[in-house]
């Protein structure tokens, strides 16, 4: 069953909300807000597919709400249709310049409203499909590096509101060049696809994102996951890949394909750059590989109140944990 699109109606007149809700509720999930401040809070909670936004509201008007939503990385791509009694080109041009995609004038005409909403929802679905294709790795079906970086940007911004944990795992197939040299590139592609499937099985249980970072390197983003939980996911990944028992005669650590993993965990704070997690996880991966491969190295790091603070320092808090070489 196709999930119904979510429409957020924002209007300080309850009668207008009732008319629009009656027009749209048969085809969409509808939620509403009666003020600009409430609209921003609801939008951040439900992440709607489209917003019908009243222009004239007390305190925070529709223009300011639109500006705020377009500056939010979680909501910038959500289409906004202004609903207004104003019928002049200057007001319309102002709204469109702020990022709105359309205008509907009051009193609301149900046939017109349904058609406008249907058209923009369909356009959004097509854009989302194209965007999904652009961020998917063709060989593995996992997200690609671009999607990983987008997700990290979104999650660091979202989790900074609550100071919650975020973990990133990076892993590399050990001696993969030797694997390709021994078995050939088609076998190498099959190996990568099998590793990706095992990785996805482990991380799906932890509600995270998996990505092919490049070549034989993969990465996972685990929102709301502290260091202990991230280490458990890393161990599950390692176990899943060990269970594949893919032969690797060129490896010096095992007769089967193994992986090295690096784990980085920190609490999200306002201003922390998303690439901090990648840098720390990559450093832990380097330590894992230089320490003998086929193991996990993890670090719980911290930073000052803002990543842009020139005086901020990074502090390792936890000792590393290793998985010993497997025969």
Protein backbone atom coordinates (compact mmCIF):
# COMPACT_ATOMS: atom_id res chain seq x y z
CA UNK A 1 0.00 0.00 0.00
CA UNK A 2 1.34 3.45 -0.95
CA UNK A 3 1.79 5.68 2.08
CA UNK A 4 -0.53 8.68 1.98
CA UNK A 5 1.15 12.07 1.65
CA UNK A 6 1.00 14.35 4.70
CA UNK A 7 -0.41 17.86 4.27
CA UNK A 8 0.13 20.54 6.92
CA UNK A 9 -2.53 23.26 6.92
CA UNK A 10 -1.57 26.51 8.65
CA UNK A 11 -4.28 29.12 9.26
CA UNK A 12 -5.40 31.17 12.26
CA UNK A 13 -9.06 30.85 11.18
CA UNK A 14 -10.50 27.46 12.20
CA UNK A 15 -13.22 27.75 9.54
CA UNK A 16 -10.58 27.87 6.79
CA UNK A 17 -8.85 24.79 8.23
CA UNK A 18 -12.16 22.93 8.29
CA UNK A 19 -12.87 23.75 4.63
CA UNK A 20 -9.41 22.65 3.47
CA UNK A 21 -9.46 19.55 5.66
CA UNK A 22 -12.84 18.49 4.25
CA UNK A 23 -11.46 19.01 0.73
CA UNK A 24 -8.28 16.95 1.25
CA UNK A 25 -8.86 14.38 3.99
CA UNK A 26 -10.08 11.63 1.65
CA UNK A 27 -6.76 11.53 -0.22
CA UNK A 28 -4.15 12.73 2.31
CA UNK A 29 -3.15 12.65 5.95
CA UNK A 30 -3.93 16.13 7.22
CA UNK A 31 -2.53 17.95 10.24
CA UNK A 32 -2.87 21.60 11.13
CA UNK A 33 -1.48 24.57 13.07
CA UNK A 34 -3.15 27.86 13.98
CA UNK A 35 -0.07 30.07 14.37
CA UNK A 36 3.32 30.56 12.77
CA UNK A 37 5.23 29.34 15.81
CA UNK A 38 3.07 26.22 16.05
CA UNK A 39 3.47 25.60 12.31
CA UNK A 40 7.27 25.50 12.58
CA UNK A 41 7.11 23.09 15.54
CA UNK A 42 4.57 20.78 13.86
CA UNK A 43 6.51 20.79 10.58
CA UNK A 44 9.70 19.71 12.35
CA UNK A 45 7.79 16.92 14.06
CA UNK A 46 5.74 15.42 11.21
CA UNK A 47 7.95 16.37 8.21
CA UNK A 48 5.00 17.00 5.86
CA UNK A 49 5.01 16.42 2.11
CA UNK A 50 3.35 19.78 1.43
CA UNK A 51 2.36 22.85 3.46
CA UNK A 52 -0.67 25.08 2.88
CA UNK A 53 0.38 28.31 4.57
CA UNK A 54 -1.78 31.34 5.38
CA UNK A 55 -0.05 34.65 4.64
CA UNK A 56 -1.82 36.94 7.12
CA UNK A 57 -1.37 35.65 10.69
CA UNK A 58 -0.73 37.51 13.97
CA UNK A 59 2.78 37.67 15.47
CA UNK A 60 4.62 35.53 12.88
CA UNK A 61 3.15 35.92 9.38
CA UNK A 62 3.32 33.37 6.59
CA UNK A 63 6.28 35.05 4.91
CA UNK A 64 8.41 34.70 8.03
CA UNK A 65 7.29 31.09 8.54
CA UNK A 66 8.24 30.32 4.94
CA UNK A 67 11.65 31.94 5.37
CA UNK A 68 12.29 29.93 8.55
CA UNK A 69 11.23 26.63 6.97
CA UNK A 70 13.41 27.18 3.90
CA UNK A 71 16.43 27.78 6.15
CA UNK A 72 15.85 24.45 7.94
CA UNK A 73 17.77 21.57 6.30
CA UNK A 74 15.03 19.12 7.30
CA UNK A 75 12.28 21.13 5.64
CA UNK A 76 13.89 23.19 2.88
CA UNK A 77 12.59 20.90 0.11
CA UNK A 78 8.99 20.73 1.34
CA UNK A 79 6.73 22.56 -1.17
CA UNK A 80 4.76 25.47 0.26
CA UNK A 81 1.51 26.82 -1.21
CA UNK A 82 0.40 30.17 0.18
CA UNK A 83 -3.30 30.59 0.92
CA UNK A 84 -4.32 34.23 1.05
CA UNK A 85 -7.08 36.76 0.57
CA UNK A 86 -4.54 39.11 -0.94
CA UNK A 87 -4.94 39.23 -4.70
CA UNK A 88 -2.06 41.33 -5.97
CA UNK A 89 1.08 40.52 -7.92
CA UNK A 90 3.45 42.14 -5.41
CA UNK A 91 2.31 39.80 -2.60
CA UNK A 92 2.56 36.80 -4.90
CA UNK A 93 6.05 37.77 -6.08
CA UNK A 94 7.23 38.19 -2.49
CA UNK A 95 6.02 34.73 -1.54
CA UNK A 96 7.55 33.07 -4.58
CA UNK A 97 10.86 34.84 -3.94
CA UNK A 98 10.94 33.24 -0.47
CA UNK A 99 10.59 29.75 -1.95
CA UNK A 100 6.84 29.13 -2.16
CA UNK A 101 5.75 27.21 -5.26
CA UNK A 102 2.17 28.41 -5.69
CA UNK A 103 -0.68 30.61 -4.44
CA UNK A 104 -4.32 29.75 -3.70
CA UNK A 105 -6.66 32.65 -3.03
CA UNK A 106 -9.50 32.74 -0.53
CA UNK A 107 -12.32 31.94 -0.37
CA UNK A 108 -11.03 28.44 -1.07
CA UNK A 109 -12.42 26.71 -4.14
CA UNK A 110 -12.27 22.94 -3.37
CA UNK A 111 -11.82 21.83 -7.00
CA UNK A 112 -8.93 24.24 -7.52
CA UNK A 113 -7.30 23.36 -4.20
CA UNK A 114 -7.46 19.61 -4.86
CA UNK A 115 -5.95 20.05 -8.32
CA UNK A 116 -3.09 22.28 -7.09
CA UNK A 117 -2.26 19.97 -4.20
CA UNK A 118 -2.44 16.83 -6.37
CA UNK A 119 -0.12 18.32 -9.00
CA UNK A 120 2.50 19.48 -6.51
CA UNK A 121 2.44 16.22 -4.54
CA UNK A 122 3.01 14.29 -7.78
CA UNK A 123 5.88 16.60 -8.75
CA UNK A 124 7.42 16.10 -5.32
CA UNK A 125 7.18 12.31 -5.68
CA UNK A 126 8.94 12.48 -9.04
CA UNK A 127 11.66 14.72 -7.60
CA UNK A 128 12.08 12.35 -4.66
CA UNK A 129 12.43 9.37 -7.01
CA UNK A 130 15.09 11.14 -9.08
CA UNK A 131 16.89 12.24 -5.93
CA UNK A 132 16.84 8.65 -4.63
CA UNK A 133 18.40 7.37 -7.85
CA UNK A 134 21.13 9.99 -7.56
CA UNK A 135 22.12 8.85 -4.07
CA UNK A 136 21.99 5.06 -4.55
CA UNK A 137 25.02 2.89 -5.32
CA UNK A 138 24.25 0.86 -8.44
CA UNK A 139 26.26 -2.25 -7.48
CA UNK A 140 25.07 -2.74 -3.90
CA UNK A 141 21.77 -0.88 -3.68
CA UNK A 142 23.09 0.89 -0.59
CA UNK A 143 23.20 4.65 -0.27
CA UNK A 144 26.21 6.30 -1.85
CA UNK A 145 28.65 8.77 -0.34
CA UNK A 146 26.51 11.76 -1.32
CA UNK A 147 23.49 10.35 0.54
CA UNK A 148 25.68 9.54 3.54
CA UNK A 149 26.89 13.13 3.76
CA UNK A 150 23.35 14.48 3.33
CA UNK A 151 22.09 12.20 6.11
CA UNK A 152 24.89 13.23 8.44
CA UNK A 153 24.06 16.90 7.83
CA UNK A 154 20.40 16.30 8.61
CA UNK A 155 20.99 14.09 11.66
CA UNK A 156 23.59 16.34 13.30
CA UNK A 157 21.18 19.27 12.93
CA UNK A 158 18.21 17.26 14.25
CA UNK A 159 20.02 15.64 17.18
CA UNK A 160 21.66 18.90 18.22
CA UNK A 161 18.24 20.07 19.45
CA UNK A 162 18.32 17.40 22.17
CA UNK A 163 22.05 16.74 22.55
CA UNK A 164 21.51 13.09 21.62
CA UNK A 165 24.15 10.56 20.62
CA UNK A 166 25.28 9.90 17.06
CA UNK A 167 27.65 7.14 15.97
CA UNK A 168 29.38 6.46 12.66
CA UNK A 169 31.01 3.17 11.68
CA UNK A 170 33.45 2.92 8.80
CA UNK A 171 34.72 -0.42 7.52
CA UNK A 172 37.11 -1.63 4.87
CA UNK A 173 37.46 -5.06 3.27
CA UNK A 174 40.88 -6.36 4.24
CA UNK A 175 43.36 -6.94 1.41
CA UNK A 176 40.72 -6.37 -1.24
CA UNK A 177 43.22 -5.59 -4.00
CA UNK A 178 44.76 -9.01 -3.42
CA UNK A 179 41.27 -10.51 -3.59
CA UNK A 180 40.71 -8.93 -7.01
CA UNK A 181 44.16 -10.01 -8.18
CA UNK A 182 43.46 -13.59 -7.08
CA UNK A 183 39.83 -14.08 -8.14
CA UNK A 184 39.19 -11.34 -10.71
CA UNK A 185 37.04 -8.21 -10.71
CA UNK A 186 33.67 -9.93 -11.31
CA UNK A 187 34.29 -11.99 -8.17
CA UNK A 188 35.32 -8.77 -6.44
CA UNK A 189 31.99 -7.18 -7.37
CA UNK A 190 30.13 -10.21 -6.00
CA UNK A 191 32.15 -9.99 -2.79
CA UNK A 192 31.29 -6.30 -2.38
CA UNK A 193 27.60 -7.05 -2.98
CA UNK A 194 27.63 -9.85 -0.38
CA UNK A 195 29.40 -7.64 2.17
CA UNK A 196 26.84 -4.88 1.50
CA UNK A 197 23.93 -7.28 2.11
CA UNK A 198 25.46 -8.51 5.38
CA UNK A 199 26.10 -4.94 6.47
CA UNK A 200 22.53 -3.96 5.69
CA UNK A 201 21.14 -6.89 7.70
CA UNK A 202 23.09 -5.85 10.78
CA UNK A 203 22.39 -2.13 10.56
CA UNK A 204 18.69 -2.43 9.66
CA UNK A 205 18.14 -3.96 13.08
CA UNK A 206 19.69 -0.86 14.60
CA UNK A 207 17.67 1.60 12.47
CA UNK A 208 20.59 3.23 10.75
CA UNK A 209 21.75 4.13 7.26
CA UNK A 210 24.28 2.06 5.32
CA UNK A 211 26.36 3.41 2.47
CA UNK A 212 29.10 2.40 0.11
CA UNK A 213 31.63 5.12 0.84
CA UNK A 214 33.86 4.25 -2.10
CA UNK A 215 35.51 1.18 -3.58
CA UNK A 216 35.69 -1.48 -0.86
CA UNK A 217 34.91 0.97 1.95
CA UNK A 218 31.52 1.26 3.64
CA UNK A 219 29.99 3.50 6.30
CA UNK A 220 27.00 3.45 8.66
CA UNK A 221 25.19 6.31 10.37
CA UNK A 222 23.50 5.39 13.66
CA UNK A 223 21.35 8.23 15.10
CA UNK A 224 20.55 8.05 18.81
CA UNK A 225 23.21 5.37 19.34
CA UNK A 226 25.79 5.64 22.12
CA UNK A 227 29.25 4.07 22.13
CA UNK A 228 28.23 0.75 23.72
CA UNK A 229 25.31 0.27 21.33
CA UNK A 230 27.45 1.25 18.34
CA UNK A 231 30.08 -1.29 19.35
CA UNK A 232 27.38 -3.96 19.49
CA UNK A 233 26.29 -3.05 15.95
CA UNK A 234 29.92 -3.19 14.80
CA UNK A 235 30.30 -6.66 16.35
CA UNK A 236 27.12 -7.79 14.62
CA UNK A 237 28.45 -6.50 11.29
CA UNK A 238 31.74 -8.33 11.87
CA UNK A 239 29.90 -11.56 12.76
CA UNK A 240 27.58 -11.30 9.75
CA UNK A 241 30.55 -10.91 7.39
CA UNK A 242 32.53 -13.71 9.07
CA UNK A 243 29.56 -16.03 8.58
CA UNK A 244 29.71 -15.52 4.81
CA UNK A 245 32.97 -17.49 4.71
CA UNK A 246 34.06 -15.97 1.39
CA UNK A 247 37.41 -17.61 0.52
CA UNK A 248 40.42 -15.27 0.38
CA UNK A 249 43.71 -16.99 -0.33
CA UNK A 250 45.55 -13.66 -0.56
CA UNK A 251 44.72 -12.57 3.00
CA UNK A 252 47.42 -12.78 5.65
CA UNK A 253 44.97 -12.69 8.57
CA UNK A 254 42.39 -15.30 7.58
CA UNK A 255 41.52 -17.84 4.92
CA UNK A 256 38.23 -15.95 4.41
CA UNK A 257 37.32 -12.34 3.68
CA UNK A 258 37.49 -10.12 6.78
CA UNK A 259 36.84 -6.46 7.50
CA UNK A 260 38.39 -3.79 9.69
CA UNK A 261 36.05 -1.37 11.44
CA UNK A 262 36.35 2.06 13.05
CA UNK A 263 33.64 3.48 15.32
CA UNK A 264 33.23 7.13 16.35
CA UNK A 265 30.59 8.35 18.81
CA UNK A 266 29.72 11.76 20.26
CA UNK A 267 26.81 13.79 21.54
CA UNK A 268 25.53 16.25 18.93
CA UNK A 269 25.87 19.88 19.93
CA UNK A 270 24.83 23.01 17.99
CA UNK A 271 27.48 23.97 15.47
CA UNK A 272 29.27 20.62 15.36
CA UNK A 273 30.28 19.83 11.78
CA UNK A 274 28.96 16.55 10.38
CA UNK A 275 32.35 15.65 8.95
CA UNK A 276 33.77 15.39 12.49
CA UNK A 277 32.21 11.93 12.78
CA UNK A 278 33.66 10.84 9.43
CA UNK A 279 37.12 12.12 10.39
CA UNK A 280 37.09 10.31 13.73
CA UNK A 281 35.64 7.07 12.33
CA UNK A 282 38.22 7.15 9.54
CA UNK A 283 40.99 7.60 12.10
CA UNK A 284 39.69 4.61 14.09
CA UNK A 285 39.55 2.57 10.89
CA UNK A 286 43.18 3.46 10.22
CA UNK A 287 44.11 2.28 13.73
CA UNK A 288 42.17 -0.93 13.17
CA UNK A 289 44.05 -1.64 9.94
CA UNK A 290 47.46 -0.61 11.24
CA UNK A 291 46.87 -2.68 14.39
CA UNK A 292 46.53 -5.92 12.46
CA UNK A 293 43.17 -5.74 10.60
CA UNK A 294 40.11 -7.95 11.18
CA UNK A 295 39.21 -6.00 14.30
CA UNK A 296 37.14 -3.12 15.67
CA UNK A 297 38.57 0.09 17.12
CA UNK A 298 36.17 2.59 18.70
CA UNK A 299 36.42 6.07 20.18
CA UNK A 300 33.96 8.19 22.10
CA UNK A 301 34.93 11.80 21.39
CA UNK A 302 33.75 15.16 22.63
CA UNK A 303 34.18 18.75 21.56
CA UNK A 304 33.42 22.22 22.90
CA UNK A 305 30.06 23.92 22.56
CA UNK A 306 30.68 24.72 18.88
CA UNK A 307 32.79 23.07 16.23
CA UNK A 308 33.54 26.53 14.85
CA UNK A 309 35.08 27.58 18.17
CA UNK A 310 38.84 27.89 17.48
CA UNK A 311 39.57 26.92 21.07
CA UNK A 312 37.61 23.68 20.93
CA UNK A 313 39.55 20.50 21.68
CA UNK A 314 38.77 16.86 21.04
CA UNK A 315 39.09 14.46 23.94
CA UNK A 316 39.21 10.67 23.63
CA UNK A 317 37.09 9.24 26.45
CA UNK A 318 37.01 5.47 26.00
CA UNK A 319 39.77 2.95 25.47
CA UNK A 320 39.75 1.04 22.21
CA UNK A 321 38.17 -2.38 21.88
CA UNK A 322 39.56 -5.03 19.60
CA UNK A 323 38.23 -8.19 17.99
CA UNK A 324 41.11 -10.61 17.77
CA UNK A 325 42.19 -12.18 14.52
CA UNK A 326 39.98 -14.97 13.34
CA UNK A 327 41.44 -18.16 11.92
